[in-house]
Every structure is written in structure tokens, then in C-alpha cells.
């Protein structure tokens, strides 16, 4: 999927008028039918089936909040099929509206900036439920999973459930990640997809429970490991490209400790520093083929047969770097801005830095300087092959988003997300106040 890109000087982008926030629209039967028809081909190829638990408790015309785990774009097709007879507004990323705002609004989409404090979103969700009498679909993880396991949920989610006061329905997909994992550059695999649709909480249960208890229920519901599911269900992925770009996820060699030298190609993952090679098997395990001696100057060697275990080890390395004060990233980037939904504006290049003090973006010949502290968000909007442009890190505010495309070898997108989450966690209890940011425009 591509988007509308325009080259424009930084000053001219800043001068563009922002768009007014608009209330969501109720999707009509034509648009709901169209989405269902467009979904049929891919879901038929994936032999899609759904099971339902407790859904008889939900009234046929009763609005609800639908919470769904997020593995790939196919998730939207699944939701449109499962809830075909139920009008539904969909919370989605604001850059998805670029170049197609009219269409997205008629499909019932509600835009929001990922991992940016959005006071308007809940108001729009309440409007959809109370005034439009629509259900609302939300992906509480906000971003696709990198390693096939759950990503952090916001602590405000339990409070949101209380504010909305409607039944909560959980949708868990099985096989969607294996079908189209984010790291694999939109190369889809032949994997059957299943979905479990469960009536999770009634309005009375939500009222009786504390915000902390609700958050605990949601955290349990969104705990999963897609690679483990694949092994336990004997799901074989035979495509010869299954390890392509796996280095985006596993960016540090567990044998020699070298970072940014990993390469995923075909069915293998290899290290350009020490020569170690792993085979990603049809069942999703990692088998070491060419063990090499680890350099004593680097970290001691480890052995992992699962992608999530390797990824968790990388997270621990980032924690150690933060603890000893050595964590730092600084890379040249191409800079894109979003100030409205008419286009994503390419304004030039610059440097993106990340440390314990947060993000700093400088560019456009010294005209752009933006800082974002570690309190700003519990996670980071980062993506692979974003709109077929490149790997991306996004920071910003409700008024302006800065999309940064790294322009040097080495994979930093996953590490930056991990570090953002760890730095936020170390900041202590999450503040309920709007994050402090500075945005100097010269």
C-alpha cells in the first residue's frame, strides 16, 4: 500500500492550514457491503473461519467496544467479515487518511495519532456509540507486533472502558501473523487464519471492577506468542522467503554480540561479523547451522531457538545500556511531515538522536528542531517498509507528526521502540498529565 507524497520546503509545510476535527460518520450498508466483498478473496484463500463464545449475550443492535489484537492489515478484513451485520466505526492511524479522507470517513474510520496524547479520540468514540449507535473497533496495541508477541497496552484503557460503558468483545486471531508478519516486506504466506470472538465484559462487570482490575483482564487477554501457536498447531510455512528481513527483528547477533550486521535472506538468518548462520525452519524455530567462536571482547554467546526469546534478550541488552548510561542512537534520516491528510510532505534530511533524555530531531538546514522527552509515550510508532518507502520512526504532537526514515545500514527501528518502552517504564508511574514537548520553529 502506498500513500500520497509531496516534496515541499519545510517553511511552506508549516504554513499549511490544519484540518478541523470532524465527528465520525455512521457507515452505510453500501460501504459495509463493499468492504465485505473486497475481503472475500484473501480470506477465502486463507480458509478463514471464526468461532464465537458468549456472543448471545450481546444484543443484535447493541453497540459494543471491539478490542482486537493487531498482526497485519488482514485484521481489518477479518473484522469487516465477522461483524458484517453490525455498523462499526474503526479507530485507525491518521496517516491512513492521507489522500482518501472522504472514503475513510464513509467507511466509518476514526483517525488518531499513534502514541500521541489524543483527548479527542474518546469523545469521538462516545459519539459513535451514543449518537450513531455504532460499535467501535479498536486495536489497543496500536501497532503491529514486531516479534509475534503482545505489545504494551496503555494504562488508560481500563478508564476508557468505564467511560464508554458498553459491552466489550475480544477478537483474537490465529495465523494472521504467520500469514503476513510485518518484517517480511508484505510477502504473504499460505497459512489458514482463524479468529476467536468472545464476549469479554458486560457493562455491569465493567462498573463493578476497578480500572486496575480491568487493565489486568485486558493484559491477560492480550498475552500471546504466535510462534508458539505455530509450533503447537504444526503449522508449516514452506515459502522460501520466510526469513527475508528477519534482521529487522533480530538485529543483534546472539553469538558475537555485534549489532546491525544481521541479514535475513531466504530461509536463513546470518551474522556478517562472525559468520554464524541460523535456519528458520518450517515450524518457526531457529536452528544454528554454522556456529562460530564468539569474540571475547563482545558479549558472551547465547543460543536461542525462538524469535521471541531472542527479541527478549535484546530488550535486556537495551535495559543494561540504559542502566549504565551508554544507550544512544544517532542516525541520518529523511524527514516527512504530516500536518493534514492531503499528503505526507517530504521536507528534506536531518539527524534523529535518541538517548535517556528522549528524542531530538534536527534537519532542514537548521530550520527544524524538535525534542520529545521519555515521558511522552509508553511506546513508539515505528514500522517496517512504511507505505513502501522504508523503515520508519514517528514522533510528534497532535498538530504535526515527524516521520523519520533512517538512511544508513543497520536496523534501529526495533531497538528504538524497545528503548522508548523501557525509558518510559523507568520514569516511574505514568503521568496522567499531557506530555511536555518543545517544538521550535525558526
Protein backbone atom coordinates (compact mmCIF):
# COMPACT_ATOMS: atom_id res chain seq x y z
CA UNK A 1 0.00 0.00 0.00
CA UNK A 2 1.29 3.44 -0.94
CA UNK A 3 0.36 6.96 0.08
CA UNK A 4 0.45 10.49 -1.34
CA UNK A 5 3.93 12.04 -1.05
CA UNK A 6 4.76 15.64 -1.96
CA UNK A 7 8.10 17.45 -1.85
CA UNK A 8 7.68 20.83 -0.19
CA UNK A 9 10.01 23.17 1.70
CA UNK A 10 9.75 22.98 5.48
CA UNK A 11 8.53 26.57 5.86
CA UNK A 12 5.71 26.04 3.38
CA UNK A 13 4.55 22.90 5.18
CA UNK A 14 4.38 24.80 8.46
CA UNK A 15 2.25 27.46 6.75
CA UNK A 16 -0.39 24.93 5.64
CA UNK A 17 -3.73 25.13 7.39
CA UNK A 18 -4.54 22.24 9.71
CA UNK A 19 -7.78 20.36 9.18
CA UNK A 20 -10.63 20.65 11.62
CA UNK A 21 -11.54 17.63 13.65
CA UNK A 22 -14.82 16.15 12.47
CA UNK A 23 -17.24 13.84 14.17
CA UNK A 24 -17.29 10.28 12.81
CA UNK A 25 -19.93 9.11 10.34
CA UNK A 26 -22.09 6.04 10.58
CA UNK A 27 -21.01 3.64 7.80
CA UNK A 28 -23.88 2.92 5.44
CA UNK A 29 -24.89 -0.51 4.19
CA UNK A 30 -23.24 0.15 0.80
CA UNK A 31 -19.79 0.71 2.32
CA UNK A 32 -20.12 -2.21 4.72
CA UNK A 33 -21.12 -4.49 1.86
CA UNK A 34 -18.26 -3.22 -0.29
CA UNK A 35 -15.69 -3.97 2.41
CA UNK A 36 -17.13 -7.43 2.94
CA UNK A 37 -16.97 -8.18 -0.79
CA UNK A 38 -13.38 -6.89 -1.06
CA UNK A 39 -12.40 -9.09 1.88
CA UNK A 40 -13.70 -12.33 0.41
CA UNK A 41 -10.79 -13.14 -1.91
CA UNK A 42 -7.96 -13.02 0.63
CA UNK A 43 -9.95 -14.60 3.44
CA UNK A 44 -11.12 -17.42 1.18
CA UNK A 45 -7.52 -18.08 0.18
CA UNK A 46 -6.62 -18.15 3.88
CA UNK A 47 -9.51 -20.55 4.61
CA UNK A 48 -10.75 -18.10 7.24
CA UNK A 49 -13.10 -19.33 9.95
CA UNK A 50 -14.33 -17.84 13.20
CA UNK A 51 -15.63 -19.29 16.46
CA UNK A 52 -17.93 -17.42 18.85
CA UNK A 53 -18.10 -17.59 22.65
CA UNK A 54 -20.80 -15.90 24.69
CA UNK A 55 -21.90 -13.65 21.85
CA UNK A 56 -25.55 -14.49 22.53
CA UNK A 57 -25.22 -12.04 25.45
CA UNK A 58 -24.82 -9.14 23.02
CA UNK A 59 -28.00 -7.62 21.63
CA UNK A 60 -28.37 -7.62 17.86
CA UNK A 61 -28.44 -3.80 17.75
CA UNK A 62 -26.50 -3.18 20.96
CA UNK A 63 -23.31 -1.13 20.42
CA UNK A 64 -20.12 -2.58 21.87
CA UNK A 65 -16.40 -1.92 22.05
CA UNK A 66 -14.48 -4.44 19.97
CA UNK A 67 -10.87 -4.98 21.00
CA UNK A 68 -8.70 -6.91 18.54
CA UNK A 69 -5.06 -7.95 18.51
CA UNK A 70 -3.04 -6.49 15.63
CA UNK A 71 -0.85 -8.65 13.41
CA UNK A 72 -1.29 -7.36 9.86
CA UNK A 73 -3.64 -5.49 7.52
CA UNK A 74 -5.72 -8.68 7.16
CA UNK A 75 -7.07 -7.93 10.65
CA UNK A 76 -9.33 -5.26 9.16
CA UNK A 77 -10.71 -7.69 6.58
CA UNK A 78 -11.41 -10.18 9.36
CA UNK A 79 -13.28 -7.61 11.44
CA UNK A 80 -15.37 -6.46 8.47
CA UNK A 81 -16.38 -10.07 7.83
CA UNK A 82 -17.04 -11.14 11.43
CA UNK A 83 -19.14 -8.05 12.16
CA UNK A 84 -20.70 -7.69 8.70
CA UNK A 85 -24.21 -7.23 10.12
CA UNK A 86 -23.15 -4.65 12.72
CA UNK A 87 -22.43 -0.98 11.86
CA UNK A 88 -18.96 -0.25 13.16
CA UNK A 89 -16.60 2.70 13.46
CA UNK A 90 -12.90 1.84 13.30
CA UNK A 91 -10.13 3.62 15.17
CA UNK A 92 -7.16 3.84 12.80
CA UNK A 93 -3.92 5.73 12.30
CA UNK A 94 -4.32 9.25 10.93
CA UNK A 95 -1.80 8.72 8.11
CA UNK A 96 -4.20 6.13 6.72
CA UNK A 97 -6.48 9.06 5.83
CA UNK A 98 -3.90 10.72 3.59
CA UNK A 99 -5.29 11.15 0.08
CA UNK A 100 -8.53 9.35 0.94
CA UNK A 101 -10.15 11.22 3.81
CA UNK A 102 -13.58 11.26 2.12
CA UNK A 103 -13.54 7.49 1.64
CA UNK A 104 -12.17 6.64 5.08
CA UNK A 105 -14.83 8.71 6.81
CA UNK A 106 -17.60 6.93 4.91
CA UNK A 107 -16.10 3.59 5.87
CA UNK A 108 -16.60 4.71 9.45
CA UNK A 109 -12.94 5.26 10.33
CA UNK A 110 -11.92 7.50 13.24
CA UNK A 111 -8.37 8.90 12.88
CA UNK A 112 -5.89 9.11 15.74
CA UNK A 113 -2.16 9.78 16.07
CA UNK A 114 -0.40 6.67 17.38
CA UNK A 115 1.23 7.02 20.80
CA UNK A 116 0.37 10.72 20.99
CA UNK A 117 -1.93 12.04 23.72
CA UNK A 118 -5.29 12.36 21.93
CA UNK A 119 -8.03 13.94 24.02
CA UNK A 120 -10.47 13.98 21.11
CA UNK A 121 -10.44 10.23 20.40
CA UNK A 122 -12.55 9.10 23.38
CA UNK A 123 -15.05 11.88 22.68
CA UNK A 124 -15.42 10.62 19.11
CA UNK A 125 -15.78 7.02 20.32
CA UNK A 126 -18.54 8.05 22.74
CA UNK A 127 -20.27 9.95 19.92
CA UNK A 128 -20.15 6.88 17.67
CA UNK A 129 -21.63 4.66 20.38
CA UNK A 130 -24.20 7.02 21.89
CA UNK A 131 -25.32 9.11 18.91
CA UNK A 132 -24.62 6.93 15.88
CA UNK A 133 -25.50 3.70 17.73
CA UNK A 134 -22.45 2.05 16.22
CA UNK A 135 -19.96 -0.38 17.70
CA UNK A 136 -16.33 0.76 17.81
CA UNK A 137 -13.40 -1.40 16.72
CA UNK A 138 -10.10 -0.59 18.36
CA UNK A 139 -6.65 -2.19 18.18
CA UNK A 140 -5.44 -1.38 21.72
CA UNK A 141 -1.86 -2.39 20.92
CA UNK A 142 -1.90 0.48 18.37
CA UNK A 143 0.96 -1.01 16.30
CA UNK A 144 1.68 -4.32 14.64
CA UNK A 145 3.67 -6.82 16.66
CA UNK A 146 7.36 -6.97 15.70
CA UNK A 147 8.23 -10.32 17.27
CA UNK A 148 4.82 -12.02 17.18
CA UNK A 149 4.03 -11.44 20.86
CA UNK A 150 1.84 -8.87 22.58
CA UNK A 151 2.91 -5.23 22.65
CA UNK A 152 2.26 -2.93 25.67
CA UNK A 153 -1.25 -1.67 26.33
CA UNK A 154 -1.95 1.86 27.63
CA UNK A 155 -2.87 2.12 31.31
CA UNK A 156 -5.73 4.41 30.28
CA UNK A 157 -7.57 1.55 28.58
CA UNK A 158 -9.43 0.46 31.73
CA UNK A 159 -10.60 4.02 32.28
CA UNK A 160 -11.78 4.18 28.66
CA UNK A 161 -13.93 1.07 29.24
CA UNK A 162 -15.62 2.79 32.17
CA UNK A 163 -16.23 6.00 30.22
CA UNK A 164 -17.84 4.17 27.31
CA UNK A 165 -19.95 1.85 29.49
CA UNK A 166 -20.75 -0.69 26.77
CA UNK A 167 -20.05 -4.43 26.43
CA UNK A 168 -16.51 -5.38 25.43
CA UNK A 169 -15.93 -8.01 22.77
CA UNK A 170 -12.50 -9.57 22.28
CA UNK A 171 -11.26 -10.77 18.88
CA UNK A 172 -8.12 -12.92 18.89
CA UNK A 173 -6.64 -14.02 15.56
CA UNK A 174 -4.61 -17.17 14.98
CA UNK A 175 -2.44 -17.45 11.89
CA UNK A 176 -2.69 -13.81 10.80
CA UNK A 177 0.86 -13.06 11.97
CA UNK A 178 2.22 -16.18 10.25
CA UNK A 179 0.26 -15.21 7.12
CA UNK A 180 1.76 -11.71 6.86
CA UNK A 181 4.37 -10.79 9.52
CA UNK A 182 5.44 -7.16 9.43
CA UNK A 183 9.15 -7.88 8.96
CA UNK A 184 8.65 -9.89 5.75
CA UNK A 185 8.06 -6.92 3.36
CA UNK A 186 4.41 -7.64 2.53
CA UNK A 187 5.24 -11.16 1.31
CA UNK A 188 2.22 -13.24 2.28
CA UNK A 189 2.37 -16.91 3.14
CA UNK A 190 -0.18 -19.69 2.64
CA UNK A 191 -1.46 -20.02 6.19
CA UNK A 192 -5.01 -20.68 7.36
CA UNK A 193 -6.40 -17.94 9.60
CA UNK A 194 -8.80 -18.42 12.49
CA UNK A 195 -10.44 -15.92 14.84
CA UNK A 196 -11.97 -16.36 18.26
CA UNK A 197 -14.75 -13.86 19.03
CA UNK A 198 -15.57 -13.64 22.75
CA UNK A 199 -17.98 -11.57 24.83
CA UNK A 200 -15.44 -10.43 27.40
CA UNK A 201 -17.11 -7.93 29.75
CA UNK A 202 -20.64 -6.68 30.35
CA UNK A 203 -21.40 -3.08 31.33
CA UNK A 204 -22.23 -4.26 34.86
CA UNK A 205 -18.92 -6.14 35.18
CA UNK A 206 -17.06 -3.06 33.98
CA UNK A 207 -18.86 -0.90 36.54
CA UNK A 208 -18.08 -3.32 39.39
CA UNK A 209 -14.36 -3.63 38.66
CA UNK A 210 -11.61 -1.10 39.29
CA UNK A 211 -9.52 0.39 36.48
CA UNK A 212 -6.58 -1.70 37.69
CA UNK A 213 -8.65 -4.90 37.58
CA UNK A 214 -9.87 -4.10 34.07
CA UNK A 215 -6.33 -3.44 32.88
CA UNK A 216 -5.29 -6.80 34.35
CA UNK A 217 -8.06 -8.62 32.47
CA UNK A 218 -7.07 -6.93 29.21
CA UNK A 219 -3.38 -7.67 29.72
CA UNK A 220 -4.19 -11.36 30.20
CA UNK A 221 -6.44 -11.35 27.14
CA UNK A 222 -3.66 -9.80 25.04
CA UNK A 223 -0.92 -12.22 26.09
CA UNK A 224 0.11 -14.49 23.23
CA UNK A 225 3.01 -15.95 21.27
CA UNK A 226 2.30 -16.53 17.58
CA UNK A 227 5.46 -18.60 17.10
CA UNK A 228 4.47 -20.96 19.92
CA UNK A 229 0.99 -21.23 18.41
CA UNK A 230 2.59 -22.17 15.10
CA UNK A 231 4.65 -24.97 16.66
CA UNK A 232 1.83 -26.32 18.82
CA UNK A 233 -0.52 -26.47 15.84
CA UNK A 234 2.08 -27.90 13.45
CA UNK A 235 1.63 -25.01 11.00
CA UNK A 236 4.33 -25.36 8.37
CA UNK A 237 5.43 -22.32 6.40
CA UNK A 238 7.21 -23.61 3.32
CA UNK A 239 7.73 -20.33 1.47
CA UNK A 240 11.41 -19.85 0.56
CA UNK A 241 11.31 -16.19 1.67
CA UNK A 242 10.14 -16.78 5.25
CA UNK A 243 13.34 -15.34 6.79
CA UNK A 244 13.63 -12.35 4.44
CA UNK A 245 14.38 -9.23 6.53
CA UNK A 246 14.15 -11.10 9.84
CA UNK A 247 17.18 -8.98 10.79
CA UNK A 248 14.72 -6.12 11.35
CA UNK A 249 13.55 -8.01 14.45
CA UNK A 250 16.73 -9.86 15.41
CA UNK A 251 19.27 -7.08 14.93
CA UNK A 252 21.93 -8.21 17.43
CA UNK A 253 23.91 -11.42 16.92
CA UNK A 254 23.43 -13.67 19.93
CA UNK A 255 26.74 -15.39 19.17
CA UNK A 256 29.18 -12.47 18.94
CA UNK A 257 27.04 -9.60 20.24
CA UNK A 258 27.59 -7.45 17.15
CA UNK A 259 24.68 -5.13 16.38
CA UNK A 260 23.44 -4.12 12.93
CA UNK A 261 25.28 -6.83 10.98
CA UNK A 262 22.49 -9.40 10.80
CA UNK A 263 20.98 -10.39 7.44
CA UNK A 264 17.75 -12.27 6.80
CA UNK A 265 17.51 -13.82 3.36
CA UNK A 266 15.57 -16.79 2.04
CA UNK A 267 15.18 -19.21 4.92
CA UNK A 268 18.31 -18.14 6.80
CA UNK A 269 19.50 -15.50 9.23
CA UNK A 270 23.22 -14.79 9.29
CA UNK A 271 25.70 -12.50 11.01
CA UNK A 272 28.09 -10.53 8.80
CA UNK A 273 30.50 -10.06 11.70
CA UNK A 274 31.15 -13.60 12.96
CA UNK A 275 29.64 -15.70 10.16
CA UNK A 276 27.09 -17.54 12.30
CA UNK A 277 24.05 -18.85 10.39
CA UNK A 278 20.60 -19.92 11.56
CA UNK A 279 17.85 -21.67 9.60
CA UNK A 280 14.28 -20.51 10.19
CA UNK A 281 12.51 -23.87 9.96
CA UNK A 282 9.06 -24.51 8.52
CA UNK A 283 7.72 -24.66 12.09
CA UNK A 284 9.24 -21.30 13.02
CA UNK A 285 12.17 -22.44 15.15
CA UNK A 286 15.76 -21.27 14.70
CA UNK A 287 18.34 -23.98 14.05
CA UNK A 288 22.01 -22.97 14.18
CA UNK A 289 23.87 -24.23 11.11
CA UNK A 290 27.27 -22.54 11.29
CA UNK A 291 28.36 -21.82 14.85
CA UNK A 292 31.40 -19.57 15.12
CA UNK A 293 33.62 -18.71 18.05
CA UNK A 294 32.47 -15.58 19.82
CA UNK A 295 34.85 -12.69 20.30
CA UNK A 296 35.87 -12.40 23.98
CA UNK A 297 35.73 -8.60 23.60
CA UNK A 298 31.99 -8.77 22.96
CA UNK A 299 29.07 -10.19 24.91
CA UNK A 300 29.14 -13.91 25.77
CA UNK A 301 27.38 -16.14 23.22
CA UNK A 302 23.79 -17.25 23.68
CA UNK A 303 21.66 -19.79 21.88
CA UNK A 304 18.02 -19.15 21.03
CA UNK A 305 15.62 -21.36 19.12
CA UNK A 306 12.69 -18.94 19.28
CA UNK A 307 12.34 -15.44 17.85
CA UNK A 308 10.56 -14.03 20.97
CA UNK A 309 13.32 -15.35 23.27
CA UNK A 310 15.98 -13.70 21.12
CA UNK A 311 13.96 -10.47 21.00
CA UNK A 312 13.52 -10.53 24.80
CA UNK A 313 17.32 -10.91 25.17
CA UNK A 314 17.78 -7.81 23.02
CA UNK A 315 15.39 -5.95 25.32
CA UNK A 316 17.54 -6.92 28.30
CA UNK A 317 20.62 -5.60 26.49
CA UNK A 318 18.85 -2.27 25.96
CA UNK A 319 17.91 -2.19 29.65
CA UNK A 320 21.58 -2.68 30.53
CA UNK A 321 22.66 0.11 28.18
CA UNK A 322 20.11 2.48 29.73
CA UNK A 323 21.15 1.48 33.25
CA UNK A 324 24.84 2.18 32.62
CA UNK A 325 24.14 5.36 30.65
CA UNK A 326 25.52 4.12 27.33
CA UNK A 327 22.27 3.90 25.34
CA UNK A 328 22.39 6.25 22.37
CA UNK A 329 21.24 6.25 18.75
CA UNK A 330 22.08 8.92 16.19
CA UNK A 331 21.33 8.37 12.51
CA UNK A 332 20.88 10.41 9.33
CA UNK A 333 17.24 10.36 8.24
CA UNK A 334 14.92 11.51 5.50
CA UNK A 335 12.18 13.63 7.09
CA UNK A 336 8.49 13.57 6.20
CA UNK A 337 5.85 15.72 7.89
CA UNK A 338 2.13 15.27 8.32
CA UNK A 339 0.08 18.38 9.12
CA UNK A 340 -3.11 17.44 7.24
CA UNK A 341 -4.47 14.49 5.29
CA UNK A 342 -3.85 15.89 1.82
CA UNK A 343 -0.33 14.45 1.65
CA UNK A 344 2.75 13.33 3.54
CA UNK A 345 5.29 16.10 2.91
CA UNK A 346 8.93 15.30 2.25
CA UNK A 347 10.88 18.28 3.63
CA UNK A 348 14.49 17.12 3.42
CA UNK A 349 17.00 15.35 5.59
CA UNK A 350 18.46 15.63 9.07
CA UNK A 351 19.59 13.67 12.10
CA UNK A 352 17.48 11.73 14.60
CA UNK A 353 19.01 11.06 18.01
CA UNK A 354 17.65 9.01 20.89
CA UNK A 355 19.04 8.73 24.41
CA UNK A 356 17.84 8.59 28.00
CA UNK A 357 16.79 12.23 27.54
CA UNK A 358 14.40 11.27 24.71
CA UNK A 359 14.33 12.08 21.00
CA UNK A 360 15.96 15.02 19.24
CA UNK A 361 15.32 15.70 15.55
CA UNK A 362 17.35 18.31 13.68
CA UNK A 363 17.13 18.98 9.96
CA UNK A 364 16.16 21.12 7.00
CA UNK A 365 19.34 23.19 7.15
CA UNK A 366 18.93 24.02 10.82
CA UNK A 367 15.32 25.21 10.48
CA UNK A 368 13.83 22.15 12.17
CA UNK A 369 14.50 21.28 15.79
CA UNK A 370 12.15 19.06 17.77
CA UNK A 371 12.59 17.41 21.17
CA UNK A 372 10.43 14.75 22.78
CA UNK A 373 11.13 13.54 26.30
CA UNK A 374 10.88 9.95 27.58
CA UNK A 375 7.59 10.76 29.38
CA UNK A 376 5.88 11.48 26.06
CA UNK A 377 4.61 7.98 25.34
CA UNK A 378 4.67 4.41 26.64
CA UNK A 379 5.72 3.12 23.21
CA UNK A 380 6.83 4.29 19.77
CA UNK A 381 5.12 4.40 16.39
CA UNK A 382 7.70 2.58 14.31
CA UNK A 383 7.13 0.48 11.23
CA UNK A 384 8.86 -1.62 8.60
CA UNK A 385 8.57 -0.75 4.90
CA UNK A 386 6.16 2.06 5.79
CA UNK A 387 3.94 2.76 2.74
CA UNK A 388 6.67 1.03 0.70
CA UNK A 389 9.07 3.92 1.46
CA UNK A 390 11.28 2.39 4.12
CA UNK A 391 11.59 1.53 7.79
CA UNK A 392 10.24 4.40 9.88
CA UNK A 393 10.23 6.06 13.30
CA UNK A 394 7.48 8.60 14.02
CA UNK A 395 7.45 11.23 16.76
CA UNK A 396 5.40 14.39 17.17
CA UNK A 397 2.31 16.05 18.56
CA UNK A 398 -1.38 16.35 17.77
CA UNK A 399 -0.53 19.22 15.40
CA UNK A 400 2.41 17.76 13.49
CA UNK A 401 4.00 14.35 13.04
CA UNK A 402 7.60 13.75 12.03
CA UNK A 403 8.23 10.54 10.08
CA UNK A 404 11.93 9.67 10.01
CA UNK A 405 13.37 7.15 7.54
CA UNK A 406 16.90 6.02 8.58
CA UNK A 407 19.41 6.30 5.74
CA UNK A 408 22.30 4.12 6.88
CA UNK A 409 22.95 0.37 7.17
CA UNK A 410 21.83 -1.28 10.38
CA UNK A 411 18.45 -1.90 11.95
CA UNK A 412 17.49 0.63 14.64
CA UNK A 413 13.70 0.76 14.40
CA UNK A 414 13.06 -2.17 16.75
CA UNK A 415 15.76 -1.03 19.18
CA UNK A 416 14.31 2.49 19.30
CA UNK A 417 10.86 1.09 20.15
CA UNK A 418 12.28 -1.15 22.87
CA UNK A 419 14.27 1.74 24.36
CA UNK A 420 11.22 4.04 24.30
CA UNK A 421 9.20 1.48 26.25
CA UNK A 422 11.98 0.85 28.75
CA UNK A 423 12.73 4.53 29.29
CA UNK A 424 9.05 5.24 29.89
CA UNK A 425 8.84 2.37 32.36
CA UNK A 426 11.85 3.67 34.23
CA UNK A 427 10.30 7.09 34.51
CA UNK A 428 8.12 5.66 37.26
CA UNK A 429 4.36 5.77 37.41
CA UNK A 430 2.85 7.03 34.20
CA UNK A 431 1.68 10.60 34.48
CA UNK A 432 -1.90 11.45 33.62
CA UNK A 433 -0.83 14.93 32.56
CA UNK A 434 -0.17 15.81 28.89
CA UNK A 435 3.48 15.11 27.99
CA UNK A 436 5.88 18.04 27.90
CA UNK A 437 7.26 18.70 24.44
CA UNK A 438 9.06 21.52 22.73
CA UNK A 439 8.69 22.32 19.08
CA UNK A 440 10.85 25.23 17.94
CA UNK A 441 10.10 26.56 14.51
CA UNK A 442 12.65 29.06 13.20
